[in-house]
Amino acid sequence: MSPDFRPSAVQNEKIHPMSETISKAESNQLLKLATYASVATAAILIAAKLGAYLLTNSVSVLASLVDSLMDAGASLINLLAVHYALAPPDREHRYGHGKAESIAGLAQATFIAGSGLFLILEAVDRLLHPKPLEAVGIGLGVMIFAIVATAILMAIQHYVIKRTRSTAIRADALHYKTDLLTNVAIIAALLLSEIGWLGIDPIFALVIAAYILYSSWGIGTEAFHDLLDHELPQDKRELIIQIIKDHPKVQGMHDLRTRLSGRTEFIQMHLELDDYLPLIEAHAIADEVEEKIKQAMPSADVVIHQDPISSVNLHELPIFKRAP
């Protein structure tokens, strides 16, 4: 048995299709809704936070403003990338344009990391040259407004992610989650600065910058893996293996290859079948396996090669082999 196969709880469960499946047209509309909402929210928050920074002179508010500027740039890239990713396959792109989402995720990670580095420089400068804060009440009001606006956007994004599993929207939602935590921290910094803790403002900005850099690493790593055709998560591979094992006429399977491109999971494998099966029956078995996989993973693109079991290379380690 190959080390690629590890028994799991999946083996003892009946395979069910995903709880929610939607049409391609509905998926496309949801993705557009999420990207438009993201760009609009970023633009509104930039205007509000710019006013708050000019009035309060708070480096924490500046941190939030810079983060929103980065959000706007990332969301605009996201908008263009999602529109491109939704284009159907063509002569030059037979596998579609889904990896545009991963490119957008990598670009977002770069934007976010840049904003984190900028904030570190600003916070260190403010620690060395402290300045009193002004109009703290206005700053608090703007931050509360930012929290409400961001929470509404995140609710929209999470709904879209649940329905479409978009990599780009997931990356977008991650840095808006960072924004939400950032805004809460800034409220705390403003309140503490108001009672005389002036040094707390740049310290909070440094903490926010560190969290931003951490978030950018997570987004960039996921996008990088997708661009390099990283295998699907082990639980999904085990799900595929279990579906194949459940078919009584499949004798074994090898060369399982998987990758993700945008929202499409590409799956390839070799099924080992009885030598004397008629071609039409072997084809029917492959169709049945493909249909079961697509029930469990509706966006999957499945390619199956059928091998007579006697022709399988004895040196080929099977992913699973049915006992004789």
C-alpha atoms as a PDB file:
ATOM      1  CA  MET A   1       0.000   0.000   0.000  1.00  0.00           C
ATOM      2  CA  SER A   2       1.325   3.422  -0.926  1.00  0.00           C
ATOM      3  CA  PRO A   3       2.167   5.966   1.776  1.00  0.00           C
ATOM      4  CA  ASP A   4      -0.062   8.317  -0.229  1.00  0.00           C
ATOM      5  CA  PHE A   5      -3.078   6.471   1.179  1.00  0.00           C
ATOM      6  CA  ARG A   6      -3.892   7.019   4.821  1.00  0.00           C
ATOM      7  CA  PRO A   7      -7.079   5.619   6.375  1.00  0.00           C
ATOM      8  CA  SER A   8      -9.356   8.276   7.792  1.00  0.00           C
ATOM      9  CA  ALA A   9     -12.825   8.861   9.120  1.00  0.00           C
ATOM     10  CA  VAL A  10     -13.877   9.463   5.542  1.00  0.00           C
ATOM     11  CA  GLN A  11     -13.727   5.735   4.914  1.00  0.00           C
ATOM     12  CA  ASN A  12     -16.492   5.057   7.420  1.00  0.00           C
ATOM     13  CA  GLU A  13     -18.845   7.719   6.162  1.00  0.00           C
ATOM     14  CA  LYS A  14     -21.249   7.710   3.267  1.00  0.00           C
ATOM     15  CA  ILE A  15     -20.172  10.165   0.596  1.00  0.00           C
ATOM     16  CA  HIS A  16     -22.594  13.030   0.164  1.00  0.00           C
ATOM     17  CA  PRO A  17     -22.563  15.804  -2.393  1.00  0.00           C
ATOM     18  CA  MET A  18     -21.783  19.273  -1.184  1.00  0.00           C
ATOM     19  CA  SER A  19     -24.664  20.858   0.699  1.00  0.00           C
ATOM     20  CA  GLU A  20     -24.852  23.773  -1.691  1.00  0.00           C
ATOM     21  CA  THR A  21     -24.420  23.681  -5.444  1.00  0.00           C
ATOM     22  CA  ILE A  22     -25.132  26.665  -7.631  1.00  0.00           C
ATOM     23  CA  SER A  23     -25.150  27.385 -11.324  1.00  0.00           C
ATOM     24  CA  LYS A  24     -22.149  28.959 -13.019  1.00  0.00           C
ATOM     25  CA  ALA A  25     -24.210  32.082 -13.791  1.00  0.00           C
ATOM     26  CA  GLU A  26     -25.180  32.503 -10.131  1.00  0.00           C
ATOM     27  CA  SER A  27     -21.585  31.913  -9.049  1.00  0.00           C
ATOM     28  CA  ASN A  28     -20.383  34.595 -11.452  1.00  0.00           C
ATOM     29  CA  GLN A  29     -22.957  37.081 -10.167  1.00  0.00           C
ATOM     30  CA  LEU A  30     -21.940  36.439  -6.553  1.00  0.00           C
ATOM     31  CA  LEU A  31     -18.260  36.960  -7.367  1.00  0.00           C
ATOM     32  CA  LYS A  32     -19.030  40.258  -9.073  1.00  0.00           C
ATOM     33  CA  LEU A  33     -21.165  41.348  -6.105  1.00  0.00           C
ATOM     34  CA  ALA A  34     -18.319  40.624  -3.673  1.00  0.00           C
ATOM     35  CA  THR A  35     -15.712  42.483  -5.725  1.00  0.00           C
ATOM     36  CA  TYR A  36     -17.907  45.558  -6.283  1.00  0.00           C
ATOM     37  CA  ALA A  37     -18.822  45.658  -2.574  1.00  0.00           C
ATOM     38  CA  SER A  38     -15.139  45.405  -1.632  1.00  0.00           C
ATOM     39  CA  VAL A  39     -14.049  48.288  -3.868  1.00  0.00           C
ATOM     40  CA  ALA A  40     -16.946  50.501  -2.730  1.00  0.00           C
ATOM     41  CA  THR A  41     -16.282  49.802   0.960  1.00  0.00           C
ATOM     42  CA  ALA A  42     -12.564  50.533   0.592  1.00  0.00           C
ATOM     43  CA  ALA A  43     -13.297  53.874  -1.114  1.00  0.00           C
ATOM     44  CA  ILE A  44     -15.737  54.953   1.623  1.00  0.00           C
ATOM     45  CA  LEU A  45     -13.336  53.971   4.413  1.00  0.00           C
ATOM     46  CA  ILE A  46     -10.411  55.815   2.801  1.00  0.00           C
ATOM     47  CA  ALA A  47     -12.385  59.067   2.770  1.00  0.00           C
ATOM     48  CA  ALA A  48     -13.535  58.633   6.382  1.00  0.00           C
ATOM     49  CA  LYS A  49     -10.125  57.638   7.754  1.00  0.00           C
ATOM     50  CA  LEU A  50      -8.285  60.392   5.885  1.00  0.00           C
ATOM     51  CA  GLY A  51     -10.519  62.942   7.586  1.00  0.00           C
ATOM     52  CA  ALA A  52     -10.008  61.254  10.957  1.00  0.00           C
ATOM     53  CA  TYR A  53      -6.207  61.225  10.587  1.00  0.00           C
ATOM     54  CA  LEU A  54      -6.052  64.911   9.616  1.00  0.00           C
ATOM     55  CA  LEU A  55      -8.117  65.796  12.679  1.00  0.00           C
ATOM     56  CA  THR A  56      -6.523  63.477  15.268  1.00  0.00           C
ATOM     57  CA  ASN A  57      -2.877  63.217  14.123  1.00  0.00           C
ATOM     58  CA  SER A  58      -2.949  59.598  15.380  1.00  0.00           C
ATOM     59  CA  VAL A  59      -0.419  57.194  13.903  1.00  0.00           C
ATOM     60  CA  SER A  60      -2.818  54.342  14.702  1.00  0.00           C
ATOM     61  CA  VAL A  61      -5.476  56.009  12.571  1.00  0.00           C
ATOM     62  CA  LEU A  62      -2.804  56.522   9.912  1.00  0.00           C
ATOM     63  CA  ALA A  63      -2.119  52.788  10.136  1.00  0.00           C
ATOM     64  CA  SER A  64      -5.752  52.085   9.438  1.00  0.00           C
ATOM     65  CA  LEU A  65      -5.807  54.621   6.578  1.00  0.00           C
ATOM     66  CA  VAL A  66      -2.741  53.069   4.921  1.00  0.00           C
ATOM     67  CA  ASP A  67      -4.297  49.640   5.321  1.00  0.00           C
ATOM     68  CA  SER A  68      -7.472  50.873   3.609  1.00  0.00           C
ATOM     69  CA  LEU A  69      -5.412  52.351   0.765  1.00  0.00           C
ATOM     70  CA  MET A  70      -3.793  48.961   0.315  1.00  0.00           C
ATOM     71  CA  ASP A  71      -7.229  47.344   0.484  1.00  0.00           C
ATOM     72  CA  ALA A  72      -8.456  49.604  -2.311  1.00  0.00           C
ATOM     73  CA  GLY A  73      -5.514  48.688  -4.530  1.00  0.00           C
ATOM     74  CA  ALA A  74      -5.864  44.980  -3.731  1.00  0.00           C
ATOM     75  CA  SER A  75      -9.640  45.054  -4.237  1.00  0.00           C
ATOM     76  CA  LEU A  76      -9.218  46.747  -7.617  1.00  0.00           C
ATOM     77  CA  ILE A  77      -6.741  44.060  -8.663  1.00  0.00           C
ATOM     78  CA  ASN A  78      -9.205  41.497  -7.332  1.00  0.00           C
ATOM     79  CA  LEU A  79     -12.026  43.013  -9.381  1.00  0.00           C
ATOM     80  CA  LEU A  80      -9.998  42.790 -12.605  1.00  0.00           C
ATOM     81  CA  ALA A  81      -8.662  39.318 -11.808  1.00  0.00           C
ATOM     82  CA  VAL A  82     -12.075  37.848 -10.982  1.00  0.00           C
ATOM     83  CA  HIS A  83     -13.557  39.240 -14.191  1.00  0.00           C
ATOM     84  CA  TYR A  84     -10.694  37.662 -16.143  1.00  0.00           C
ATOM     85  CA  ALA A  85     -10.953  34.372 -14.214  1.00  0.00           C
ATOM     86  CA  LEU A  86     -14.651  34.105 -15.090  1.00  0.00           C
ATOM     87  CA  ALA A  87     -13.881  34.096 -18.817  1.00  0.00           C
ATOM     88  CA  PRO A  88     -14.552  30.647 -20.334  1.00  0.00           C
ATOM     89  CA  PRO A  89     -11.735  28.480 -21.742  1.00  0.00           C
ATOM     90  CA  ASP A  90     -10.485  29.490 -25.171  1.00  0.00           C
ATOM     91  CA  ARG A  91      -7.952  28.293 -27.759  1.00  0.00           C
ATOM     92  CA  GLU A  92      -4.981  29.697 -25.820  1.00  0.00           C
ATOM     93  CA  HIS A  93      -6.273  28.747 -22.340  1.00  0.00           C
ATOM     94  CA  ARG A  94      -7.808  25.290 -22.550  1.00  0.00           C
ATOM     95  CA  TYR A  95      -7.918  24.963 -18.773  1.00  0.00           C
ATOM     96  CA  GLY A  96      -9.664  28.302 -18.334  1.00  0.00           C
ATOM     97  CA  HIS A  97      -8.427  31.449 -16.625  1.00  0.00           C
ATOM     98  CA  GLY A  98      -8.899  30.433 -12.986  1.00  0.00           C
ATOM     99  CA  LYS A  99      -5.292  31.052 -11.943  1.00  0.00           C
ATOM    100  CA  ALA A 100      -5.911  34.774 -12.339  1.00  0.00           C
ATOM    101  CA  GLU A 101      -7.462  34.506  -8.863  1.00  0.00           C
ATOM    102  CA  SER A 102      -4.219  33.124  -7.439  1.00  0.00           C
ATOM    103  CA  ILE A 103      -2.222  35.884  -9.139  1.00  0.00           C
ATOM    104  CA  ALA A 104      -4.583  38.384  -7.506  1.00  0.00           C
ATOM    105  CA  GLY A 105      -4.002  36.729  -4.133  1.00  0.00           C
ATOM    106  CA  LEU A 106      -0.227  37.011  -4.581  1.00  0.00           C
ATOM    107  CA  ALA A 107      -0.582  40.689  -5.550  1.00  0.00           C
ATOM    108  CA  GLN A 108      -2.735  41.305  -2.469  1.00  0.00           C
ATOM    109  CA  ALA A 109      -0.096  39.706  -0.265  1.00  0.00           C
ATOM    110  CA  THR A 110       2.498  42.077  -1.728  1.00  0.00           C
ATOM    111  CA  PHE A 111       0.275  45.097  -1.130  1.00  0.00           C
ATOM    112  CA  ILE A 112      -0.450  44.041   2.444  1.00  0.00           C
ATOM    113  CA  ALA A 113       3.219  43.365   3.240  1.00  0.00           C
ATOM    114  CA  GLY A 114       4.150  46.795   1.849  1.00  0.00           C
ATOM    115  CA  SER A 115       1.605  48.513   4.068  1.00  0.00           C
ATOM    116  CA  GLY A 116       2.937  46.618   7.100  1.00  0.00           C
ATOM    117  CA  LEU A 117       6.509  47.747   6.448  1.00  0.00           C
ATOM    118  CA  PHE A 118       5.368  51.363   5.969  1.00  0.00           C
ATOM    119  CA  LEU A 119       3.514  51.277   9.275  1.00  0.00           C
ATOM    120  CA  ILE A 120       6.574  49.987  11.100  1.00  0.00           C
ATOM    121  CA  LEU A 121       8.599  52.964   9.857  1.00  0.00           C
ATOM    122  CA  GLU A 122       5.854  55.433  10.836  1.00  0.00           C
ATOM    123  CA  ALA A 123       5.373  53.890  14.275  1.00  0.00           C
ATOM    124  CA  VAL A 124       9.115  53.932  15.054  1.00  0.00           C
ATOM    125  CA  ASP A 125       9.297  57.583  14.003  1.00  0.00           C
ATOM    126  CA  ARG A 126       6.359  58.446  16.287  1.00  0.00           C
ATOM    127  CA  LEU A 127       8.002  56.609  19.196  1.00  0.00           C
ATOM    128  CA  LEU A 128      11.116  58.708  18.696  1.00  0.00           C
ATOM    129  CA  HIS A 129       9.128  61.938  18.162  1.00  0.00           C
ATOM    130  CA  PRO A 130       5.856  61.687  20.132  1.00  0.00           C
ATOM    131  CA  LYS A 131       2.995  64.072  19.310  1.00  0.00           C
ATOM    132  CA  PRO A 132      -0.233  64.748  21.224  1.00  0.00           C
ATOM    133  CA  LEU A 133      -3.523  63.520  19.738  1.00  0.00           C
ATOM    134  CA  GLU A 134      -6.419  65.814  18.867  1.00  0.00           C
ATOM    135  CA  ALA A 135     -10.170  65.407  18.228  1.00  0.00           C
ATOM    136  CA  VAL A 136     -10.121  61.892  19.679  1.00  0.00           C
ATOM    137  CA  GLY A 137     -13.926  61.752  19.728  1.00  0.00           C
ATOM    138  CA  ILE A 138     -14.090  62.150  15.952  1.00  0.00           C
ATOM    139  CA  GLY A 139     -11.460  59.464  15.529  1.00  0.00           C
ATOM    140  CA  LEU A 140     -13.460  57.077  17.712  1.00  0.00           C
ATOM    141  CA  GLY A 141     -16.615  57.751  15.701  1.00  0.00           C
ATOM    142  CA  VAL A 142     -14.854  57.062  12.411  1.00  0.00           C
ATOM    143  CA  MET A 143     -13.359  53.820  13.722  1.00  0.00           C
ATOM    144  CA  ILE A 144     -16.771  52.603  14.916  1.00  0.00           C
ATOM    145  CA  PHE A 145     -18.212  53.440  11.483  1.00  0.00           C
ATOM    146  CA  ALA A 146     -15.320  51.527   9.877  1.00  0.00           C
ATOM    147  CA  ILE A 147     -16.050  48.472  12.041  1.00  0.00           C
ATOM    148  CA  VAL A 148     -19.728  48.445  11.012  1.00  0.00           C
ATOM    149  CA  ALA A 149     -18.932  48.910   7.293  1.00  0.00           C
ATOM    150  CA  THR A 150     -16.241  46.213   7.369  1.00  0.00           C
ATOM    151  CA  ALA A 151     -18.515  43.773   9.222  1.00  0.00           C
ATOM    152  CA  ILE A 152     -21.224  44.211   6.561  1.00  0.00           C
ATOM    153  CA  LEU A 153     -18.709  43.611   3.779  1.00  0.00           C
ATOM    154  CA  MET A 154     -17.317  40.513   5.523  1.00  0.00           C
ATOM    155  CA  ALA A 155     -20.832  39.070   5.856  1.00  0.00           C
ATOM    156  CA  ILE A 156     -21.255  39.452   2.083  1.00  0.00           C
ATOM    157  CA  GLN A 157     -17.826  37.950   1.408  1.00  0.00           C
ATOM    158  CA  HIS A 158     -18.336  34.949   3.678  1.00  0.00           C
ATOM    159  CA  TYR A 159     -21.643  34.190   1.970  1.00  0.00           C
ATOM    160  CA  VAL A 160     -19.944  34.338  -1.433  1.00  0.00           C
ATOM    161  CA  ILE A 161     -17.004  32.185  -0.253  1.00  0.00           C
ATOM    162  CA  LYS A 162     -19.388  29.563   1.099  1.00  0.00           C
ATOM    163  CA  ARG A 163     -21.207  29.399  -2.230  1.00  0.00           C
ATOM    164  CA  THR A 164     -18.266  29.758  -4.662  1.00  0.00           C
ATOM    165  CA  ARG A 165     -15.077  28.820  -2.720  1.00  0.00           C
ATOM    166  CA  SER A 166     -13.229  31.602  -4.533  1.00  0.00           C
ATOM    167  CA  THR A 167      -9.513  31.913  -3.699  1.00  0.00           C
ATOM    168  CA  ALA A 168      -9.448  35.624  -4.534  1.00  0.00           C
ATOM    169  CA  ILE A 169     -12.483  36.476  -2.384  1.00  0.00           C
ATOM    170  CA  ARG A 170     -11.066  34.363   0.452  1.00  0.00           C
ATOM    171  CA  ALA A 171      -7.835  36.382   0.303  1.00  0.00           C
ATOM    172  CA  ASP A 172      -9.825  39.626   0.201  1.00  0.00           C
ATOM    173  CA  ALA A 173     -11.880  38.557   3.221  1.00  0.00           C
ATOM    174  CA  LEU A 174      -8.734  37.679   5.167  1.00  0.00           C
ATOM    175  CA  HIS A 175      -7.258  41.151   5.016  1.00  0.00           C
ATOM    176  CA  TYR A 176     -10.647  42.737   5.805  1.00  0.00           C
ATOM    177  CA  LYS A 177     -10.694  40.538   8.892  1.00  0.00           C
ATOM    178  CA  THR A 178      -7.339  42.099   9.687  1.00  0.00           C
ATOM    179  CA  ASP A 179      -8.955  45.514   9.236  1.00  0.00           C
ATOM    180  CA  LEU A 180     -11.694  44.635  11.692  1.00  0.00           C
ATOM    181  CA  LEU A 181      -9.182  43.665  14.369  1.00  0.00           C
ATOM    182  CA  THR A 182      -7.089  46.718  13.501  1.00  0.00           C
ATOM    183  CA  ASN A 183     -10.019  49.077  14.035  1.00  0.00           C
ATOM    184  CA  VAL A 184     -10.813  47.559  17.420  1.00  0.00           C
ATOM    185  CA  ALA A 185      -7.159  47.977  18.457  1.00  0.00           C
ATOM    186  CA  ILE A 186      -7.164  51.605  17.285  1.00  0.00           C
ATOM    187  CA  ILE A 187     -10.208  52.401  19.413  1.00  0.00           C
ATOM    188  CA  ALA A 188      -8.326  51.012  22.421  1.00  0.00           C
ATOM    189  CA  ALA A 189      -5.223  53.061  21.504  1.00  0.00           C
ATOM    190  CA  LEU A 190      -7.239  56.284  21.165  1.00  0.00           C
ATOM    191  CA  LEU A 191      -8.975  55.744  24.502  1.00  0.00           C
ATOM    192  CA  LEU A 192      -5.686  55.013  26.300  1.00  0.00           C
ATOM    193  CA  SER A 193      -3.986  58.002  24.653  1.00  0.00           C
ATOM    194  CA  GLU A 194      -6.842  60.221  25.836  1.00  0.00           C
ATOM    195  CA  ILE A 195      -6.056  59.362  29.460  1.00  0.00           C
ATOM    196  CA  GLY A 196      -2.375  60.182  29.033  1.00  0.00           C
ATOM    197  CA  TRP A 197      -0.751  57.054  27.609  1.00  0.00           C
ATOM    198  CA  LEU A 198       0.711  58.788  24.526  1.00  0.00           C
ATOM    199  CA  GLY A 199       3.268  56.045  23.839  1.00  0.00           C
ATOM    200  CA  ILE A 200       0.550  53.441  23.421  1.00  0.00           C
ATOM    201  CA  ASP A 201      -0.529  54.831  20.028  1.00  0.00           C
ATOM    202  CA  PRO A 202       2.666  53.901  18.079  1.00  0.00           C
ATOM    203  CA  ILE A 203       2.991  50.653  20.042  1.00  0.00           C
ATOM    204  CA  PHE A 204      -0.469  49.591  18.865  1.00  0.00           C
ATOM    205  CA  ALA A 205       0.546  50.592  15.341  1.00  0.00           C
ATOM    206  CA  LEU A 206       3.581  48.277  15.571  1.00  0.00           C
ATOM    207  CA  VAL A 207       1.399  45.387  16.753  1.00  0.00           C
ATOM    208  CA  ILE A 208      -1.013  46.025  13.880  1.00  0.00           C
ATOM    209  CA  ALA A 209       1.880  46.118  11.412  1.00  0.00           C
ATOM    210  CA  ALA A 210       3.185  42.778  12.692  1.00  0.00           C
ATOM    211  CA  TYR A 211      -0.255  41.206  12.297  1.00  0.00           C
ATOM    212  CA  ILE A 212      -0.547  42.636   8.777  1.00  0.00           C
ATOM    213  CA  LEU A 213       2.794  41.060   7.810  1.00  0.00           C
ATOM    214  CA  TYR A 214       1.682  37.732   9.282  1.00  0.00           C
ATOM    215  CA  SER A 215      -1.570  37.864   7.295  1.00  0.00           C
ATOM    216  CA  SER A 216       0.242  38.697   4.064  1.00  0.00           C
ATOM    217  CA  TRP A 217       2.441  35.616   4.526  1.00  0.00           C
ATOM    218  CA  GLY A 218      -0.623  33.361   4.806  1.00  0.00           C
ATOM    219  CA  ILE A 219      -2.306  34.853   1.729  1.00  0.00           C
ATOM    220  CA  GLY A 220       0.881  34.741  -0.338  1.00  0.00           C
ATOM    221  CA  THR A 221       1.681  31.139   0.628  1.00  0.00           C
ATOM    222  CA  GLU A 222      -1.766  29.892  -0.411  1.00  0.00           C
ATOM    223  CA  ALA A 223      -1.638  31.752  -3.731  1.00  0.00           C
ATOM    224  CA  PHE A 224       1.927  30.523  -4.378  1.00  0.00           C
ATOM    225  CA  HIS A 225       0.897  26.902  -3.809  1.00  0.00           C
ATOM    226  CA  ASP A 226      -2.025  27.254  -6.224  1.00  0.00           C
ATOM    227  CA  LEU A 227       0.204  28.748  -8.906  1.00  0.00           C
ATOM    228  CA  LEU A 228       2.659  25.842  -8.524  1.00  0.00           C
ATOM    229  CA  ASP A 229      -0.149  23.248  -8.868  1.00  0.00           C
ATOM    230  CA  HIS A 230       0.072  22.070  -5.277  1.00  0.00           C
ATOM    231  CA  GLU A 231      -1.911  18.888  -4.561  1.00  0.00           C
ATOM    232  CA  LEU A 232      -5.392  19.255  -3.098  1.00  0.00           C
ATOM    233  CA  PRO A 233      -5.597  18.876   0.720  1.00  0.00           C
ATOM    234  CA  GLN A 234      -5.179  15.321   2.005  1.00  0.00           C
ATOM    235  CA  ASP A 235      -8.802  15.080   3.168  1.00  0.00           C
ATOM    236  CA  LYS A 236     -10.016  15.727  -0.387  1.00  0.00           C
ATOM    237  CA  ARG A 237      -7.610  13.164  -1.815  1.00  0.00           C
ATOM    238  CA  GLU A 238      -8.849  10.624   0.718  1.00  0.00           C
ATOM    239  CA  LEU A 239     -12.419  11.454  -0.251  1.00  0.00           C
ATOM    240  CA  ILE A 240     -11.598  10.715  -3.906  1.00  0.00           C
ATOM    241  CA  ILE A 241      -9.866   7.449  -2.953  1.00  0.00           C
ATOM    242  CA  GLN A 242     -12.832   6.351  -0.840  1.00  0.00           C
ATOM    243  CA  ILE A 243     -15.283   7.033  -3.679  1.00  0.00           C
ATOM    244  CA  ILE A 244     -13.194   4.821  -5.968  1.00  0.00           C
ATOM    245  CA  LYS A 245     -12.850   2.076  -3.358  1.00  0.00           C
ATOM    246  CA  ASP A 246     -16.624   2.026  -2.947  1.00  0.00           C
ATOM    247  CA  HIS A 247     -17.091   0.936  -6.577  1.00  0.00           C
ATOM    248  CA  PRO A 248     -17.121  -2.885  -6.538  1.00  0.00           C
ATOM    249  CA  LYS A 249     -15.732  -3.318 -10.069  1.00  0.00           C
ATOM    250  CA  VAL A 250     -12.633  -1.138  -9.612  1.00  0.00           C
ATOM    251  CA  GLN A 251      -9.654  -3.387  -8.815  1.00  0.00           C
ATOM    252  CA  GLY A 252      -7.178  -0.639  -7.988  1.00  0.00           C
ATOM    253  CA  MET A 253      -6.016   2.880  -8.763  1.00  0.00           C
ATOM    254  CA  HIS A 254      -2.705   4.663  -9.300  1.00  0.00           C
ATOM    255  CA  ASP A 255      -1.260   7.979 -10.500  1.00  0.00           C
ATOM    256  CA  LEU A 256      -3.806  10.164  -8.722  1.00  0.00           C
ATOM    257  CA  ARG A 257      -2.930  13.769  -9.564  1.00  0.00           C
ATOM    258  CA  THR A 258      -4.823  16.798  -8.302  1.00  0.00           C
ATOM    259  CA  ARG A 259      -4.483  20.567  -8.466  1.00  0.00           C
ATOM    260  CA  LEU A 260      -6.551  23.698  -8.018  1.00  0.00           C
ATOM    261  CA  SER A 261      -7.019  26.458 -10.600  1.00  0.00           C
ATOM    262  CA  GLY A 262      -9.305  29.235  -9.406  1.00  0.00           C
ATOM    263  CA  ARG A 263     -12.440  27.441  -8.275  1.00  0.00           C
ATOM    264  CA  THR A 264     -11.888  24.325 -10.416  1.00  0.00           C
ATOM    265  CA  GLU A 265     -10.306  21.183  -8.960  1.00  0.00           C
ATOM    266  CA  PHE A 266      -8.508  19.217 -11.660  1.00  0.00           C
ATOM    267  CA  ILE A 267      -8.328  15.475 -10.907  1.00  0.00           C
ATOM    268  CA  GLN A 268      -6.572  12.792 -12.954  1.00  0.00           C
ATOM    269  CA  MET A 269      -6.146   9.073 -12.211  1.00  0.00           C
ATOM    270  CA  HIS A 270      -5.705   5.584 -13.660  1.00  0.00           C
ATOM    271  CA  LEU A 271      -8.358   2.995 -12.758  1.00  0.00           C
ATOM    272  CA  GLU A 272      -7.318  -0.668 -12.766  1.00  0.00           C
ATOM    273  CA  LEU A 273     -10.087  -2.870 -14.160  1.00  0.00           C
ATOM    274  CA  ASP A 274     -10.589  -6.535 -15.021  1.00  0.00           C
ATOM    275  CA  ASP A 275      -8.758  -7.544 -18.208  1.00  0.00           C
ATOM    276  CA  TYR A 276     -11.815  -9.001 -19.895  1.00  0.00           C
ATOM    277  CA  LEU A 277     -14.313  -6.199 -19.390  1.00  0.00           C
ATOM    278  CA  PRO A 278     -15.857  -4.986 -22.660  1.00  0.00           C
ATOM    279  CA  LEU A 279     -14.723  -1.483 -23.527  1.00  0.00           C
ATOM    280  CA  ILE A 280     -18.258  -0.139 -23.177  1.00  0.00           C
ATOM    281  CA  GLU A 281     -18.501  -1.510 -19.626  1.00  0.00           C
ATOM    282  CA  ALA A 282     -15.079  -0.145 -18.646  1.00  0.00           C
ATOM    283  CA  HIS A 283     -16.156   3.231 -19.970  1.00  0.00           C
ATOM    284  CA  ALA A 284     -19.404   3.038 -17.980  1.00  0.00           C
ATOM    285  CA  ILE A 285     -17.477   2.293 -14.760  1.00  0.00           C
ATOM    286  CA  ALA A 286     -15.235   5.315 -15.338  1.00  0.00           C
ATOM    287  CA  ASP A 287     -18.330   7.465 -15.942  1.00  0.00           C
ATOM    288  CA  GLU A 288     -19.897   6.236 -12.693  1.00  0.00           C
ATOM    289  CA  VAL A 289     -16.732   7.057 -10.717  1.00  0.00           C
ATOM    290  CA  GLU A 290     -16.511  10.483 -12.363  1.00  0.00           C
ATOM    291  CA  GLU A 291     -20.147  11.239 -11.530  1.00  0.00           C
ATOM    292  CA  LYS A 292     -19.666  10.271  -7.866  1.00  0.00           C
ATOM    293  CA  ILE A 293     -16.626  12.527  -7.585  1.00  0.00           C
ATOM    294  CA  LYS A 294     -18.522  15.428  -9.158  1.00  0.00           C
ATOM    295  CA  GLN A 295     -21.403  14.912  -6.736  1.00  0.00           C
ATOM    296  CA  ALA A 296     -18.976  15.359  -3.857  1.00  0.00           C
ATOM    297  CA  MET A 297     -16.912  18.077  -5.590  1.00  0.00           C
ATOM    298  CA  PRO A 298     -19.219  19.894  -8.051  1.00  0.00           C
ATOM    299  CA  SER A 299     -16.549  22.136  -9.566  1.00  0.00           C
ATOM    300  CA  ALA A 300     -14.169  19.247 -10.320  1.00  0.00           C
ATOM    301  CA  ASP A 301     -12.776  18.539 -13.777  1.00  0.00           C
ATOM    302  CA  VAL A 302     -12.088  14.768 -13.816  1.00  0.00           C
ATOM    303  CA  VAL A 303      -9.989  12.792 -16.313  1.00  0.00           C
ATOM    304  CA  ILE A 304      -9.884   8.993 -15.917  1.00  0.00           C
ATOM    305  CA  HIS A 305      -7.703   6.513 -17.789  1.00  0.00           C
ATOM    306  CA  GLN A 306      -8.734   2.845 -17.684  1.00  0.00           C
ATOM    307  CA  ASP A 307      -5.989   0.204 -17.423  1.00  0.00           C
ATOM    308  CA  PRO A 308      -6.405  -3.591 -17.691  1.00  0.00           C
ATOM    309  CA  ILE A 309      -5.073  -4.769 -14.369  1.00  0.00           C
ATOM    310  CA  SER A 310      -2.557  -7.209 -15.919  1.00  0.00           C
ATOM    311  CA  SER A 311      -0.846  -4.346 -17.766  1.00  0.00           C
ATOM    312  CA  VAL A 312      -0.171  -2.284 -14.660  1.00  0.00           C
ATOM    313  CA  ASN A 313       3.554  -1.846 -14.028  1.00  0.00           C
ATOM    314  CA  LEU A 314       4.532  -4.099 -11.148  1.00  0.00           C
ATOM    315  CA  HIS A 315       6.898  -1.381  -9.924  1.00  0.00           C
ATOM    316  CA  GLU A 316       4.052   1.157  -9.811  1.00  0.00           C
ATOM    317  CA  LEU A 317       2.964   1.697  -6.215  1.00  0.00           C
ATOM    318  CA  PRO A 318      -0.837   1.679  -6.275  1.00  0.00           C
ATOM    319  CA  ILE A 319      -2.771   4.223  -4.252  1.00  0.00           C
ATOM    320  CA  PHE A 320      -5.127   1.414  -3.485  1.00  0.00           C
ATOM    321  CA  LYS A 321      -5.280  -2.242  -4.539  1.00  0.00           C
ATOM    322  CA  ARG A 322      -8.322  -4.424  -3.861  1.00  0.00           C
ATOM    323  CA  ALA A 323      -7.485  -7.669  -2.138  1.00  0.00           C
ATOM    324  CA  PRO A 324      -7.876 -10.708  -4.463  1.00  0.00           C
END
